[in-house]
Amino acid sequence: GRGSNFYRYSSIAKESGRLKLYKA
């Protein structure tokens, strides 16, 4: 139960550009 295991913090989401689209 430790740390940021949310997908939004993963390198996969950041590198694919999905994070910003999701936030939009």
mmCIF file of all heavy atoms, coordinates in Angstrom:
data_MODEL
# 
_entry.id   MODEL 
# 
loop_
_atom_site.group_PDB 
_atom_site.id 
_atom_site.type_symbol 
_atom_site.label_atom_id 
_atom_site.label_alt_id 
_atom_site.label_comp_id 
_atom_site.label_asym_id 
_atom_site.label_entity_id 
_atom_site.label_seq_id 
_atom_site.pdbx_PDB_ins_code 
_atom_site.Cartn_x 
_atom_site.Cartn_y 
_atom_site.Cartn_z 
_atom_site.occupancy 
_atom_site.B_iso_or_equiv 
_atom_site.pdbx_formal_charge 
_atom_site.auth_seq_id 
_atom_site.auth_comp_id 
_atom_site.auth_asym_id 
_atom_site.auth_atom_id 
_atom_site.pdbx_PDB_model_num 
ATOM 1   N N   . GLY A 1 1  ? 0.819   -1.207 0.000   1.00 0.00 ? 1  GLY A N   1 
ATOM 2   C CA  . GLY A 1 1  ? 0.000   0.000  0.000   1.00 0.00 ? 1  GLY A CA  1 
ATOM 3   C C   . GLY A 1 1  ? 0.848   1.249  0.000   1.00 0.00 ? 1  GLY A C   1 
ATOM 4   O O   . GLY A 1 1  ? 0.484   2.272  0.598   1.00 0.00 ? 1  GLY A O   1 
ATOM 5   N N   . ARG A 1 2  ? 1.977   1.201  -0.690  1.00 0.00 ? 2  ARG A N   1 
ATOM 6   C CA  . ARG A 1 2  ? 2.968   2.264  -0.600  1.00 0.00 ? 2  ARG A CA  1 
ATOM 7   C C   . ARG A 1 2  ? 3.130   2.998  -1.925  1.00 0.00 ? 2  ARG A C   1 
ATOM 8   O O   . ARG A 1 2  ? 3.189   2.385  -2.976  1.00 0.00 ? 2  ARG A O   1 
ATOM 9   C CB  . ARG A 1 2  ? 4.317   1.666  -0.193  1.00 0.00 ? 2  ARG A CB  1 
ATOM 10  C CG  . ARG A 1 2  ? 5.420   2.683  0.049   1.00 0.00 ? 2  ARG A CG  1 
ATOM 11  C CD  . ARG A 1 2  ? 6.755   2.016  0.270   1.00 0.00 ? 2  ARG A CD  1 
ATOM 12  N NE  . ARG A 1 2  ? 6.778   1.222  1.485   1.00 0.00 ? 2  ARG A NE  1 
ATOM 13  C CZ  . ARG A 1 2  ? 7.055   -0.069 1.522   1.00 0.00 ? 2  ARG A CZ  1 
ATOM 14  N NH1 . ARG A 1 2  ? 7.316   -0.714 0.402   1.00 0.00 ? 2  ARG A NH1 1 
ATOM 15  N NH2 . ARG A 1 2  ? 7.076   -0.728 2.664   1.00 0.00 ? 2  ARG A NH2 1 
ATOM 16  N N   . GLY A 1 3  ? 3.193   4.322  -1.858  1.00 0.00 ? 3  GLY A N   1 
ATOM 17  C CA  . GLY A 1 3  ? 3.626   5.116  -2.999  1.00 0.00 ? 3  GLY A CA  1 
ATOM 18  C C   . GLY A 1 3  ? 2.547   5.337  -4.034  1.00 0.00 ? 3  GLY A C   1 
ATOM 19  O O   . GLY A 1 3  ? 1.365   5.077  -3.832  1.00 0.00 ? 3  GLY A O   1 
ATOM 20  N N   . SER A 1 4  ? 2.978   5.844  -5.185  1.00 0.00 ? 4  SER A N   1 
ATOM 21  C CA  . SER A 1 4  ? 2.075   6.246  -6.256  1.00 0.00 ? 4  SER A CA  1 
ATOM 22  C C   . SER A 1 4  ? 1.915   5.124  -7.262  1.00 0.00 ? 4  SER A C   1 
ATOM 23  O O   . SER A 1 4  ? 2.570   5.116  -8.306  1.00 0.00 ? 4  SER A O   1 
ATOM 24  C CB  . SER A 1 4  ? 2.602   7.505  -6.948  1.00 0.00 ? 4  SER A CB  1 
ATOM 25  O OG  . SER A 1 4  ? 2.755   8.557  -6.027  1.00 0.00 ? 4  SER A OG  1 
ATOM 26  N N   . ASN A 1 5  ? 1.055   4.159  -6.947  1.00 0.00 ? 5  ASN A N   1 
ATOM 27  C CA  . ASN A 1 5  ? 0.858   3.073  -7.895  1.00 0.00 ? 5  ASN A CA  1 
ATOM 28  C C   . ASN A 1 5  ? -0.311  3.352  -8.835  1.00 0.00 ? 5  ASN A C   1 
ATOM 29  O O   . ASN A 1 5  ? -0.779  2.474  -9.528  1.00 0.00 ? 5  ASN A O   1 
ATOM 30  C CB  . ASN A 1 5  ? 0.660   1.731  -7.168  1.00 0.00 ? 5  ASN A CB  1 
ATOM 31  C CG  . ASN A 1 5  ? -0.425  1.787  -6.123  1.00 0.00 ? 5  ASN A CG  1 
ATOM 32  O OD1 . ASN A 1 5  ? -1.548  2.165  -6.421  1.00 0.00 ? 5  ASN A OD1 1 
ATOM 33  N ND2 . ASN A 1 5  ? -0.098  1.419  -4.893  1.00 0.00 ? 5  ASN A ND2 1 
ATOM 34  N N   . PHE A 1 6  ? -0.759  4.609  -8.873  1.00 0.00 ? 6  PHE A N   1 
ATOM 35  C CA  . PHE A 1 6  ? -1.796  4.982  -9.821  1.00 0.00 ? 6  PHE A CA  1 
ATOM 36  C C   . PHE A 1 6  ? -1.208  5.029  -11.230 1.00 0.00 ? 6  PHE A C   1 
ATOM 37  O O   . PHE A 1 6  ? -0.091  5.466  -11.449 1.00 0.00 ? 6  PHE A O   1 
ATOM 38  C CB  . PHE A 1 6  ? -2.373  6.356  -9.488  1.00 0.00 ? 6  PHE A CB  1 
ATOM 39  C CG  . PHE A 1 6  ? -3.257  6.360  -8.287  1.00 0.00 ? 6  PHE A CG  1 
ATOM 40  C CD1 . PHE A 1 6  ? -2.730  6.498  -7.017  1.00 0.00 ? 6  PHE A CD1 1 
ATOM 41  C CD2 . PHE A 1 6  ? -4.617  6.222  -8.416  1.00 0.00 ? 6  PHE A CD2 1 
ATOM 42  C CE1 . PHE A 1 6  ? -3.540  6.498  -5.910  1.00 0.00 ? 6  PHE A CE1 1 
ATOM 43  C CE2 . PHE A 1 6  ? -5.436  6.223  -7.313  1.00 0.00 ? 6  PHE A CE2 1 
ATOM 44  C CZ  . PHE A 1 6  ? -4.896  6.359  -6.051  1.00 0.00 ? 6  PHE A CZ  1 
ATOM 45  N N   . TYR A 1 7  ? -1.984  4.601  -12.202 1.00 0.00 ? 7  TYR A N   1 
ATOM 46  C CA  . TYR A 1 7  ? -1.550  4.577  -13.594 1.00 0.00 ? 7  TYR A CA  1 
ATOM 47  C C   . TYR A 1 7  ? -1.219  5.978  -14.095 1.00 0.00 ? 7  TYR A C   1 
ATOM 48  O O   . TYR A 1 7  ? -0.382  6.153  -14.967 1.00 0.00 ? 7  TYR A O   1 
ATOM 49  C CB  . TYR A 1 7  ? -2.664  3.953  -14.443 1.00 0.00 ? 7  TYR A CB  1 
ATOM 50  C CG  . TYR A 1 7  ? -2.300  3.694  -15.886 1.00 0.00 ? 7  TYR A CG  1 
ATOM 51  C CD1 . TYR A 1 7  ? -1.552  2.578  -16.237 1.00 0.00 ? 7  TYR A CD1 1 
ATOM 52  C CD2 . TYR A 1 7  ? -2.715  4.549  -16.888 1.00 0.00 ? 7  TYR A CD2 1 
ATOM 53  C CE1 . TYR A 1 7  ? -1.242  2.323  -17.554 1.00 0.00 ? 7  TYR A CE1 1 
ATOM 54  C CE2 . TYR A 1 7  ? -2.407  4.309  -18.205 1.00 0.00 ? 7  TYR A CE2 1 
ATOM 55  C CZ  . TYR A 1 7  ? -1.667  3.193  -18.536 1.00 0.00 ? 7  TYR A CZ  1 
ATOM 56  O OH  . TYR A 1 7  ? -1.365  2.942  -19.842 1.00 0.00 ? 7  TYR A OH  1 
ATOM 57  N N   . ARG A 1 8  ? -1.848  7.013  -13.532 1.00 0.00 ? 8  ARG A N   1 
ATOM 58  C CA  . ARG A 1 8  ? -1.614  8.370  -14.020 1.00 0.00 ? 8  ARG A CA  1 
ATOM 59  C C   . ARG A 1 8  ? -0.189  8.833  -13.749 1.00 0.00 ? 8  ARG A C   1 
ATOM 60  O O   . ARG A 1 8  ? 0.282   9.788  -14.352 1.00 0.00 ? 8  ARG A O   1 
ATOM 61  C CB  . ARG A 1 8  ? -2.600  9.352  -13.386 1.00 0.00 ? 8  ARG A CB  1 
ATOM 62  C CG  . ARG A 1 8  ? -2.558  9.424  -11.870 1.00 0.00 ? 8  ARG A CG  1 
ATOM 63  C CD  . ARG A 1 8  ? -3.485  10.523 -11.386 1.00 0.00 ? 8  ARG A CD  1 
ATOM 64  N NE  . ARG A 1 8  ? -3.869  10.293 -9.994  1.00 0.00 ? 8  ARG A NE  1 
ATOM 65  C CZ  . ARG A 1 8  ? -4.550  11.170 -9.275  1.00 0.00 ? 8  ARG A CZ  1 
ATOM 66  N NH1 . ARG A 1 8  ? -4.912  12.308 -9.794  1.00 0.00 ? 8  ARG A NH1 1 
ATOM 67  N NH2 . ARG A 1 8  ? -4.888  10.897 -8.028  1.00 0.00 ? 8  ARG A NH2 1 
ATOM 68  N N   . TYR A 1 9  ? 0.501   8.191  -12.818 1.00 0.00 ? 9  TYR A N   1 
ATOM 69  C CA  . TYR A 1 9  ? 1.870   8.589  -12.526 1.00 0.00 ? 9  TYR A CA  1 
ATOM 70  C C   . TYR A 1 9  ? 2.889   7.737  -13.278 1.00 0.00 ? 9  TYR A C   1 
ATOM 71  O O   . TYR A 1 9  ? 4.079   7.941  -13.155 1.00 0.00 ? 9  TYR A O   1 
ATOM 72  C CB  . TYR A 1 9  ? 2.146   8.475  -11.024 1.00 0.00 ? 9  TYR A CB  1 
ATOM 73  C CG  . TYR A 1 9  ? 1.322   9.417  -10.192 1.00 0.00 ? 9  TYR A CG  1 
ATOM 74  C CD1 . TYR A 1 9  ? 0.474   8.932  -9.203  1.00 0.00 ? 9  TYR A CD1 1 
ATOM 75  C CD2 . TYR A 1 9  ? 1.381   10.788 -10.395 1.00 0.00 ? 9  TYR A CD2 1 
ATOM 76  C CE1 . TYR A 1 9  ? -0.281  9.791  -8.436  1.00 0.00 ? 9  TYR A CE1 1 
ATOM 77  C CE2 . TYR A 1 9  ? 0.627   11.652 -9.630  1.00 0.00 ? 9  TYR A CE2 1 
ATOM 78  C CZ  . TYR A 1 9  ? -0.201  11.152 -8.643  1.00 0.00 ? 9  TYR A CZ  1 
ATOM 79  O OH  . TYR A 1 9  ? -0.966  12.004 -7.890  1.00 0.00 ? 9  TYR A OH  1 
ATOM 80  N N   . SER A 1 10 ? 2.436   6.761  -14.039 1.00 0.00 ? 10 SER A N   1 
ATOM 81  C CA  . SER A 1 10 ? 3.372   5.830  -14.661 1.00 0.00 ? 10 SER A CA  1 
ATOM 82  C C   . SER A 1 10 ? 4.028   6.444  -15.890 1.00 0.00 ? 10 SER A C   1 
ATOM 83  O O   . SER A 1 10 ? 3.478   7.341  -16.540 1.00 0.00 ? 10 SER A O   1 
ATOM 84  C CB  . SER A 1 10 ? 2.646   4.540  -15.058 1.00 0.00 ? 10 SER A CB  1 
ATOM 85  O OG  . SER A 1 10 ? 1.864   4.765  -16.210 1.00 0.00 ? 10 SER A OG  1 
ATOM 86  N N   . SER A 1 11 ? 5.201   5.932  -16.221 1.00 0.00 ? 11 SER A N   1 
ATOM 87  C CA  . SER A 1 11 ? 5.905   6.414  -17.403 1.00 0.00 ? 11 SER A CA  1 
ATOM 88  C C   . SER A 1 11 ? 5.120   6.096  -18.666 1.00 0.00 ? 11 SER A C   1 
ATOM 89  O O   . SER A 1 11 ? 5.196   6.812  -19.660 1.00 0.00 ? 11 SER A O   1 
ATOM 90  C CB  . SER A 1 11 ? 7.299   5.782  -17.473 1.00 0.00 ? 11 SER A CB  1 
ATOM 91  O OG  . SER A 1 11 ? 7.200   4.375  -17.522 1.00 0.00 ? 11 SER A OG  1 
ATOM 92  N N   . ILE A 1 12 ? 4.332   5.027  -18.627 1.00 0.00 ? 12 ILE A N   1 
ATOM 93  C CA  . ILE A 1 12 ? 3.535   4.639  -19.799 1.00 0.00 ? 12 ILE A CA  1 
ATOM 94  C C   . ILE A 1 12 ? 2.559   5.751  -20.167 1.00 0.00 ? 12 ILE A C   1 
ATOM 95  O O   . ILE A 1 12 ? 2.443   6.153  -21.322 1.00 0.00 ? 12 ILE A O   1 
ATOM 96  C CB  . ILE A 1 12 ? 2.763   3.331  -19.521 1.00 0.00 ? 12 ILE A CB  1 
ATOM 97  C CG1 . ILE A 1 12 ? 3.747   2.199  -19.239 1.00 0.00 ? 12 ILE A CG1 1 
ATOM 98  C CG2 . ILE A 1 12 ? 1.859   2.970  -20.693 1.00 0.00 ? 12 ILE A CG2 1 
ATOM 99  C CD1 . ILE A 1 12 ? 3.107   0.969  -18.667 1.00 0.00 ? 12 ILE A CD1 1 
ATOM 100 N N   . ALA A 1 13 ? 1.866   6.285  -19.157 1.00 0.00 ? 13 ALA A N   1 
ATOM 101 C CA  . ALA A 1 13 ? 0.887   7.335  -19.412 1.00 0.00 ? 13 ALA A CA  1 
ATOM 102 C C   . ALA A 1 13 ? 1.566   8.617  -19.871 1.00 0.00 ? 13 ALA A C   1 
ATOM 103 O O   . ALA A 1 13 ? 1.093   9.306  -20.771 1.00 0.00 ? 13 ALA A O   1 
ATOM 104 C CB  . ALA A 1 13 ? 0.067   7.598  -18.155 1.00 0.00 ? 13 ALA A CB  1 
ATOM 105 N N   . LYS A 1 14 ? 2.708   8.946  -19.283 1.00 0.00 ? 14 LYS A N   1 
ATOM 106 C CA  . LYS A 1 14 ? 3.398   10.193 -19.619 1.00 0.00 ? 14 LYS A CA  1 
ATOM 107 C C   . LYS A 1 14 ? 4.005   10.133 -21.021 1.00 0.00 ? 14 LYS A C   1 
ATOM 108 O O   . LYS A 1 14 ? 3.867   11.059 -21.818 1.00 0.00 ? 14 LYS A O   1 
ATOM 109 C CB  . LYS A 1 14 ? 4.477   10.480 -18.578 1.00 0.00 ? 14 LYS A CB  1 
ATOM 110 C CG  . LYS A 1 14 ? 3.929   10.819 -17.201 1.00 0.00 ? 14 LYS A CG  1 
ATOM 111 C CD  . LYS A 1 14 ? 5.048   11.012 -16.193 1.00 0.00 ? 14 LYS A CD  1 
ATOM 112 C CE  . LYS A 1 14 ? 4.499   11.300 -14.803 1.00 0.00 ? 14 LYS A CE  1 
ATOM 113 N NZ  . LYS A 1 14 ? 5.568   11.392 -13.788 1.00 0.00 ? 14 LYS A NZ  1 
ATOM 114 N N   . GLU A 1 15 ? 4.678   9.035  -21.314 1.00 0.00 ? 15 GLU A N   1 
ATOM 115 C CA  . GLU A 1 15 ? 5.375   8.936  -22.584 1.00 0.00 ? 15 GLU A CA  1 
ATOM 116 C C   . GLU A 1 15 ? 4.417   8.889  -23.766 1.00 0.00 ? 15 GLU A C   1 
ATOM 117 O O   . GLU A 1 15 ? 4.726   9.371  -24.846 1.00 0.00 ? 15 GLU A O   1 
ATOM 118 C CB  . GLU A 1 15 ? 6.268   7.690  -22.588 1.00 0.00 ? 15 GLU A CB  1 
ATOM 119 C CG  . GLU A 1 15 ? 7.465   7.810  -21.649 1.00 0.00 ? 15 GLU A CG  1 
ATOM 120 C CD  . GLU A 1 15 ? 8.182   6.488  -21.462 1.00 0.00 ? 15 GLU A CD  1 
ATOM 121 O OE1 . GLU A 1 15 ? 7.786   5.507  -22.139 1.00 0.00 ? 15 GLU A OE1 1 
ATOM 122 O OE2 . GLU A 1 15 ? 9.115   6.427  -20.648 1.00 0.00 ? 15 GLU A OE2 1 
ATOM 123 N N   . SER A 1 16 ? 3.253   8.311  -23.575 1.00 0.00 ? 16 SER A N   1 
ATOM 124 C CA  . SER A 1 16 ? 2.298   8.204  -24.678 1.00 0.00 ? 16 SER A CA  1 
ATOM 125 C C   . SER A 1 16 ? 1.489   9.471  -24.885 1.00 0.00 ? 16 SER A C   1 
ATOM 126 O O   . SER A 1 16 ? 0.748   9.584  -25.855 1.00 0.00 ? 16 SER A O   1 
ATOM 127 C CB  . SER A 1 16 ? 1.338   7.038  -24.419 1.00 0.00 ? 16 SER A CB  1 
ATOM 128 O OG  . SER A 1 16 ? 0.524   7.323  -23.288 1.00 0.00 ? 16 SER A OG  1 
ATOM 129 N N   . GLY A 1 17 ? 1.630   10.422 -23.991 1.00 0.00 ? 17 GLY A N   1 
ATOM 130 C CA  . GLY A 1 17 ? 0.851   11.649 -24.095 1.00 0.00 ? 17 GLY A CA  1 
ATOM 131 C C   . GLY A 1 17 ? -0.563  11.505 -23.591 1.00 0.00 ? 17 GLY A C   1 
ATOM 132 O O   . GLY A 1 17 ? -1.360  12.443 -23.651 1.00 0.00 ? 17 GLY A O   1 
ATOM 133 N N   . ARG A 1 18 ? -0.893  10.326 -23.079 1.00 0.00 ? 18 ARG A N   1 
ATOM 134 C CA  . ARG A 1 18 ? -2.256  10.090 -22.622 1.00 0.00 ? 18 ARG A CA  1 
ATOM 135 C C   . ARG A 1 18 ? -2.590  10.916 -21.383 1.00 0.00 ? 18 ARG A C   1 
ATOM 136 O O   . ARG A 1 18 ? -3.734  11.306 -21.188 1.00 0.00 ? 18 ARG A O   1 
ATOM 137 C CB  . ARG A 1 18 ? -2.460  8.611  -22.307 1.00 0.00 ? 18 ARG A CB  1 
ATOM 138 C CG  . ARG A 1 18 ? -2.619  7.731  -23.532 1.00 0.00 ? 18 ARG A CG  1 
ATOM 139 C CD  . ARG A 1 18 ? -2.689  6.268  -23.158 1.00 0.00 ? 18 ARG A CD  1 
ATOM 140 N NE  . ARG A 1 18 ? -2.936  5.433  -24.322 1.00 0.00 ? 18 ARG A NE  1 
ATOM 141 C CZ  . ARG A 1 18 ? -4.093  4.825  -24.573 1.00 0.00 ? 18 ARG A CZ  1 
ATOM 142 N NH1 . ARG A 1 18 ? -5.098  4.956  -23.741 1.00 0.00 ? 18 ARG A NH1 1 
ATOM 143 N NH2 . ARG A 1 18 ? -4.246  4.078  -25.648 1.00 0.00 ? 18 ARG A NH2 1 
ATOM 144 N N   . LEU A 1 19 ? -1.601  11.148 -20.545 1.00 0.00 ? 19 LEU A N   1 
ATOM 145 C CA  . LEU A 1 19 ? -1.887  11.803 -19.274 1.00 0.00 ? 19 LEU A CA  1 
ATOM 146 C C   . LEU A 1 19 ? -2.570  13.144 -19.484 1.00 0.00 ? 19 LEU A C   1 
ATOM 147 O O   . LEU A 1 19 ? -3.595  13.439 -18.859 1.00 0.00 ? 19 LEU A O   1 
ATOM 148 C CB  . LEU A 1 19 ? -0.599  11.975 -18.470 1.00 0.00 ? 19 LEU A CB  1 
ATOM 149 C CG  . LEU A 1 19 ? -0.760  12.631 -17.101 1.00 0.00 ? 19 LEU A CG  1 
ATOM 150 C CD1 . LEU A 1 19 ? -1.681  11.794 -16.213 1.00 0.00 ? 19 LEU A CD1 1 
ATOM 151 C CD2 . LEU A 1 19 ? 0.591   12.811 -16.422 1.00 0.00 ? 19 LEU A CD2 1 
ATOM 152 N N   . LYS A 1 20 ? -2.023  13.962 -20.380 1.00 0.00 ? 20 LYS A N   1 
ATOM 153 C CA  . LYS A 1 20 ? -2.598  15.291 -20.598 1.00 0.00 ? 20 LYS A CA  1 
ATOM 154 C C   . LYS A 1 20 ? -3.985  15.186 -21.238 1.00 0.00 ? 20 LYS A C   1 
ATOM 155 O O   . LYS A 1 20 ? -4.903  15.931 -20.882 1.00 0.00 ? 20 LYS A O   1 
ATOM 156 C CB  . LYS A 1 20 ? -1.675  16.143 -21.454 1.00 0.00 ? 20 LYS A CB  1 
ATOM 157 C CG  . LYS A 1 20 ? -2.154  17.586 -21.599 1.00 0.00 ? 20 LYS A CG  1 
ATOM 158 C CD  . LYS A 1 20 ? -1.109  18.483 -22.231 1.00 0.00 ? 20 LYS A CD  1 
ATOM 159 C CE  . LYS A 1 20 ? -0.022  18.831 -21.232 1.00 0.00 ? 20 LYS A CE  1 
ATOM 160 N NZ  . LYS A 1 20 ? 0.876   19.894 -21.749 1.00 0.00 ? 20 LYS A NZ  1 
ATOM 161 N N   . LEU A 1 21 ? -4.155  14.233 -22.158 1.00 0.00 ? 21 LEU A N   1 
ATOM 162 C CA  . LEU A 1 21 ? -5.477  14.055 -22.764 1.00 0.00 ? 21 LEU A CA  1 
ATOM 163 C C   . LEU A 1 21 ? -6.491  13.599 -21.717 1.00 0.00 ? 21 LEU A C   1 
ATOM 164 O O   . LEU A 1 21 ? -7.631  14.071 -21.689 1.00 0.00 ? 21 LEU A O   1 
ATOM 165 C CB  . LEU A 1 21 ? -5.399  13.039 -23.901 1.00 0.00 ? 21 LEU A CB  1 
ATOM 166 C CG  . LEU A 1 21 ? -4.913  13.566 -25.251 1.00 0.00 ? 21 LEU A CG  1 
ATOM 167 C CD1 . LEU A 1 21 ? -4.696  12.411 -26.225 1.00 0.00 ? 21 LEU A CD1 1 
ATOM 168 C CD2 . LEU A 1 21 ? -5.898  14.570 -25.831 1.00 0.00 ? 21 LEU A CD2 1 
ATOM 169 N N   . TYR A 1 22 ? -6.079  12.675 -20.857 1.00 0.00 ? 22 TYR A N   1 
ATOM 170 C CA  . TYR A 1 22 ? -6.970  12.234 -19.786 1.00 0.00 ? 22 TYR A CA  1 
ATOM 171 C C   . TYR A 1 22 ? -7.371  13.409 -18.902 1.00 0.00 ? 22 TYR A C   1 
ATOM 172 O O   . TYR A 1 22 ? -8.537  13.564 -18.530 1.00 0.00 ? 22 TYR A O   1 
ATOM 173 C CB  . TYR A 1 22 ? -6.281  11.174 -18.927 1.00 0.00 ? 22 TYR A CB  1 
ATOM 174 C CG  . TYR A 1 22 ? -6.191  9.795  -19.531 1.00 0.00 ? 22 TYR A CG  1 
ATOM 175 C CD1 . TYR A 1 22 ? -5.175  8.921  -19.137 1.00 0.00 ? 22 TYR A CD1 1 
ATOM 176 C CD2 . TYR A 1 22 ? -7.107  9.346  -20.472 1.00 0.00 ? 22 TYR A CD2 1 
ATOM 177 C CE1 . TYR A 1 22 ? -5.076  7.652  -19.657 1.00 0.00 ? 22 TYR A CE1 1 
ATOM 178 C CE2 . TYR A 1 22 ? -7.016  8.080  -21.009 1.00 0.00 ? 22 TYR A CE2 1 
ATOM 179 C CZ  . TYR A 1 22 ? -6.004  7.227  -20.603 1.00 0.00 ? 22 TYR A CZ  1 
ATOM 180 O OH  . TYR A 1 22 ? -5.915  5.960  -21.129 1.00 0.00 ? 22 TYR A OH  1 
ATOM 181 N N   . LYS A 1 23 ? -6.384  14.234 -18.549 1.00 0.00 ? 23 LYS A N   1 
ATOM 182 C CA  . LYS A 1 23 ? -6.672  15.373 -17.668 1.00 0.00 ? 23 LYS A CA  1 
ATOM 183 C C   . LYS A 1 23 ? -7.595  16.376 -18.366 1.00 0.00 ? 23 LYS A C   1 
ATOM 184 O O   . LYS A 1 23 ? -8.444  16.990 -17.714 1.00 0.00 ? 23 LYS A O   1 
ATOM 185 C CB  . LYS A 1 23 ? -5.379  16.056 -17.242 1.00 0.00 ? 23 LYS A CB  1 
ATOM 186 C CG  . LYS A 1 23 ? -4.435  15.190 -16.419 1.00 0.00 ? 23 LYS A CG  1 
ATOM 187 C CD  . LYS A 1 23 ? -5.054  14.753 -15.112 1.00 0.00 ? 23 LYS A CD  1 
ATOM 188 C CE  . LYS A 1 23 ? -5.165  15.871 -14.099 1.00 0.00 ? 23 LYS A CE  1 
ATOM 189 N NZ  . LYS A 1 23 ? -5.631  15.384 -12.783 1.00 0.00 ? 23 LYS A NZ  1 
ATOM 190 N N   . ALA A 1 24 ? -7.437  16.523 -19.674 1.00 0.00 ? 24 ALA A N   1 
ATOM 191 C CA  . ALA A 1 24 ? -8.325  17.425 -20.410 1.00 0.00 ? 24 ALA A CA  1 
ATOM 192 C C   . ALA A 1 24 ? -9.755  16.887 -20.416 1.00 0.00 ? 24 ALA A C   1 
ATOM 193 O O   . ALA A 1 24 ? -10.722 17.632 -20.195 1.00 0.00 ? 24 ALA A O   1 
ATOM 194 C CB  . ALA A 1 24 ? -7.812  17.605 -21.835 1.00 0.00 ? 24 ALA A CB  1 
# 
